[in-house]
Amino acid sequence: MSAETDSNEEAMNRVVQIDAELTHVWMVRTFLKHCDEAEEDEDMHEIVRDLYDFILAVGPVDDSTDPAAYLKMAKKKLRRLSGATQLYEQIQPEVSGHTNFLMAARSLRLAVDKINELVASH
C-alpha cells in the first residue's frame, strides 16, 4: 500500500469519525430547534442555524466523499461550529437550568471538541 493511499485512508477514517460526532450535533440542534424556550430567542436561532450550517456544508458521508474536500470544508466552517457551542454554553443557564439543556450543552461540547481534534490532525 502506498503512502498516498494510506494517507487517503487515514483522512477518510477522520471523516467517518467526524460524521459520527455530527449525529450528536444533529440531535442537540433538533432539541434546541423544537424547544419552547427557543421560539423567541434570537441567540438560540443563531445557534441552531450555525449547527445546521456546519452539517450541511460538510454533507453526508458516502462512497463518493472526497476526504480532502470534506476536511477542508470542515476546517473552514469549524469557527462557526465552535462559536455556536460557546454561545450555547454561555446562555444555557439563562435559557433553562433543566437537565435536558445542561446535557445538551455537555453533549455538544464533547462532540465539537472531538471534531476540533479530528480536523486539527488533518
Protein backbone atom coordinates (compact mmCIF):
# COMPACT_ATOMS: atom_id res chain seq x y z
CA MET A 1 0.00 0.00 0.00
CA SER A 2 1.41 3.40 -0.96
CA ALA A 3 1.86 6.29 1.46
CA GLU A 4 -0.69 8.30 -0.56
CA THR A 5 -3.32 5.54 -0.26
CA ASP A 6 -2.61 5.18 3.44
CA SER A 7 -2.93 8.95 3.87
CA ASN A 8 -6.24 8.91 1.99
CA GLU A 9 -7.45 6.03 4.18
CA GLU A 10 -6.42 7.92 7.32
CA ALA A 11 -8.22 11.03 6.08
CA MET A 12 -11.34 9.00 5.32
CA ASN A 13 -11.17 7.49 8.79
CA ARG A 14 -11.19 11.03 10.28
CA VAL A 15 -14.13 11.95 8.03
CA VAL A 16 -16.10 8.93 9.25
CA GLN A 17 -15.32 9.84 12.86
CA ILE A 18 -16.41 13.46 12.31
CA ASP A 19 -19.60 12.21 10.70
CA ALA A 20 -20.26 10.05 13.78
CA GLU A 21 -19.83 13.08 16.06
CA LEU A 22 -22.24 15.04 13.88
CA THR A 23 -25.01 12.66 14.94
CA HIS A 24 -24.72 14.24 18.39
CA VAL A 25 -24.61 17.75 16.97
CA TRP A 26 -27.72 16.96 14.93
CA MET A 27 -29.63 15.72 17.97
CA VAL A 28 -28.70 18.81 20.02
CA ARG A 29 -29.71 21.02 17.10
CA THR A 30 -33.04 19.24 16.80
CA PHE A 31 -33.68 19.51 20.54
CA LEU A 32 -32.88 23.24 20.56
CA LYS A 33 -34.85 23.93 17.40
CA HIS A 34 -38.03 22.42 18.79
CA CYS A 35 -37.87 23.53 22.43
CA ASP A 36 -40.35 26.17 23.60
CA GLU A 37 -37.51 28.21 25.12
CA ALA A 38 -36.02 28.82 21.68
CA GLU A 39 -39.13 30.18 19.99
CA GLU A 40 -38.35 33.85 20.53
CA ASP A 41 -34.67 33.78 21.45
CA GLU A 42 -32.50 35.14 18.62
CA ASP A 43 -29.32 33.63 20.11
CA MET A 44 -30.91 30.18 20.10
CA HIS A 45 -31.97 30.65 16.47
CA GLU A 46 -28.40 31.64 15.59
CA ILE A 47 -27.02 28.57 17.37
CA VAL A 48 -29.43 26.26 15.53
CA ARG A 49 -28.52 27.90 12.18
CA ASP A 50 -24.79 27.61 12.80
CA LEU A 51 -25.01 23.95 13.80
CA TYR A 52 -27.06 23.21 10.71
CA ASP A 53 -24.68 25.24 8.52
CA PHE A 54 -21.75 23.06 9.53
CA ILE A 55 -23.66 19.82 8.99
CA LEU A 56 -24.95 20.97 5.62
CA ALA A 57 -21.55 22.28 4.49
CA VAL A 58 -19.71 19.01 5.03
CA GLY A 59 -22.61 16.92 3.77
CA PRO A 60 -23.37 13.27 4.37
CA VAL A 61 -20.54 10.75 4.09
CA ASP A 62 -20.88 8.15 1.35
CA ASP A 63 -18.73 6.27 -1.15
CA SER A 64 -18.22 9.39 -3.26
CA THR A 65 -16.97 11.55 -0.37
CA ASP A 66 -13.62 13.19 -1.09
CA PRO A 67 -11.89 13.19 2.30
CA ALA A 68 -9.58 16.10 1.43
CA ALA A 69 -12.51 18.30 0.32
CA TYR A 70 -14.58 17.25 3.36
CA LEU A 71 -11.77 18.06 5.81
CA LYS A 72 -11.07 21.37 4.06
CA MET A 73 -14.74 22.40 4.38
CA ALA A 74 -14.88 21.19 7.98
CA LYS A 75 -11.84 23.32 8.79
CA LYS A 76 -13.38 26.32 7.04
CA LYS A 77 -16.68 26.03 8.97
CA LEU A 78 -15.20 25.00 12.31
CA ARG A 79 -15.13 28.54 13.71
CA ARG A 80 -18.92 28.88 13.37
CA LEU A 81 -19.49 25.47 14.96
CA SER A 82 -17.18 26.33 17.85
CA GLY A 83 -18.73 29.76 18.23
CA ALA A 84 -22.24 28.32 18.37
CA THR A 85 -21.09 25.86 21.02
CA GLN A 86 -19.52 28.62 23.12
CA LEU A 87 -22.60 30.80 22.79
CA TYR A 88 -24.90 27.97 23.84
CA GLU A 89 -22.71 27.15 26.85
CA GLN A 90 -22.80 30.83 27.80
CA ILE A 91 -26.56 31.32 27.54
CA GLN A 92 -27.73 27.85 28.57
CA PRO A 93 -28.14 28.68 32.27
CA GLU A 94 -30.31 31.68 31.34
CA VAL A 95 -32.35 29.71 28.81
CA SER A 96 -33.09 26.86 31.20
CA GLY A 97 -31.46 25.10 34.10
CA HIS A 98 -33.31 21.88 33.24
CA THR A 99 -31.13 18.81 32.93
CA ASN A 100 -32.05 18.42 29.24
CA PHE A 101 -30.47 21.80 28.43
CA LEU A 102 -27.41 21.12 30.57
CA MET A 103 -26.88 17.72 28.97
CA ALA A 104 -27.36 19.23 25.50
CA ALA A 105 -24.55 21.68 26.27
CA ARG A 106 -22.29 18.91 27.52
CA SER A 107 -23.07 16.65 24.57
CA LEU A 108 -22.43 19.46 22.10
CA ARG A 109 -19.13 20.34 23.78
CA LEU A 110 -17.91 16.74 23.70
CA ALA A 111 -18.80 16.33 20.02
CA VAL A 112 -17.30 19.66 18.97
CA ASP A 113 -14.10 19.05 20.93
CA LYS A 114 -13.69 15.72 19.14
CA ILE A 115 -14.43 17.32 15.76
CA ASN A 116 -11.83 20.01 16.51
CA GLU A 117 -9.30 17.32 17.36
CA LEU A 118 -10.05 15.36 14.18
CA VAL A 119 -9.86 18.42 11.94
CA ALA A 120 -6.65 19.62 13.59
CA SER A 121 -4.96 16.30 12.88
CA HIS A 122 -5.53 16.99 9.15
